[in-house]
């Protein structure tokens, strides 16, 4: 079971390591602030059917 993941900040390009929660569902979406520049990234996590692998993607949050 994968319990941590990595994403590249959509603003500054730095790699971030984040905890993952397989019990939160197969597809998850939430906002996480970059650990370097503190800008908000929309994180999308998709777990495999048995939750042993996760795909993590990040994009800029729409700031209005």
Protein backbone atom coordinates (compact mmCIF):
# COMPACT_ATOMS: atom_id res chain seq x y z
CA UNK A 1 0.00 0.00 0.00
CA UNK A 2 1.44 3.36 -1.02
CA UNK A 3 1.26 5.91 1.81
CA UNK A 4 3.37 8.76 0.39
CA UNK A 5 3.56 10.44 -2.98
CA UNK A 6 5.45 13.14 -4.85
CA UNK A 7 4.31 16.02 -7.00
CA UNK A 8 5.99 18.91 -8.77
CA UNK A 9 4.66 22.31 -7.72
CA UNK A 10 2.75 23.89 -10.60
CA UNK A 11 4.17 27.30 -9.64
CA UNK A 12 7.83 26.96 -8.62
CA UNK A 13 8.68 23.50 -9.99
CA UNK A 14 9.95 22.08 -6.69
CA UNK A 15 9.25 18.48 -5.77
CA UNK A 16 7.00 17.94 -2.75
CA UNK A 17 6.51 14.73 -0.75
CA UNK A 18 3.04 14.31 0.74
CA UNK A 19 1.26 11.65 2.78
CA UNK A 20 -1.41 9.67 0.93
CA UNK A 21 -4.58 8.18 2.41
CA UNK A 22 -5.72 5.07 0.50
CA UNK A 23 -8.76 4.86 2.80
CA UNK A 24 -10.00 8.20 1.40
CA UNK A 25 -11.21 6.60 -1.84
CA UNK A 26 -9.77 5.53 -5.18
CA UNK A 27 -9.93 9.07 -6.62
CA UNK A 28 -9.18 12.08 -4.46
CA UNK A 29 -8.85 15.82 -5.11
CA UNK A 30 -7.77 18.46 -2.63
CA UNK A 31 -5.66 21.62 -2.30
CA UNK A 32 -2.16 21.36 -0.85
CA UNK A 33 0.21 24.31 -0.36
CA UNK A 34 3.70 23.88 -1.80
CA UNK A 35 6.29 23.28 0.93
CA UNK A 36 8.67 25.71 -0.82
CA UNK A 37 6.65 28.63 -2.21
CA UNK A 38 3.40 28.13 -0.22
CA UNK A 39 1.21 28.53 -3.34
CA UNK A 40 -1.92 26.34 -3.56
CA UNK A 41 -1.80 23.29 -5.84
CA UNK A 42 -4.83 21.20 -6.73
CA UNK A 43 -3.71 17.63 -6.05
CA UNK A 44 -5.38 14.71 -7.79
CA UNK A 45 -4.58 11.23 -6.50
CA UNK A 46 -5.72 8.05 -8.22
CA UNK A 47 -5.06 4.74 -6.49
CA UNK A 48 -4.87 1.43 -8.32
CA UNK A 49 -7.70 -1.00 -7.64
CA UNK A 50 -5.85 -2.66 -4.74
CA UNK A 51 -4.28 0.65 -3.56
CA UNK A 52 -0.70 -0.60 -3.94
CA UNK A 53 0.17 2.20 -6.40
CA UNK A 54 -0.93 5.83 -6.67
CA UNK A 55 -0.68 8.42 -9.41
CA UNK A 56 -0.30 11.99 -8.12
CA UNK A 57 -0.84 15.06 -10.31
CA UNK A 58 -0.77 18.77 -9.46
CA UNK A 59 -2.00 21.91 -11.19
CA UNK A 60 -2.40 25.53 -10.26
CA UNK A 61 -5.46 26.45 -8.27
CA UNK A 62 -7.62 29.01 -10.04
CA UNK A 63 -7.15 32.19 -8.12
CA UNK A 64 -9.95 34.67 -8.60
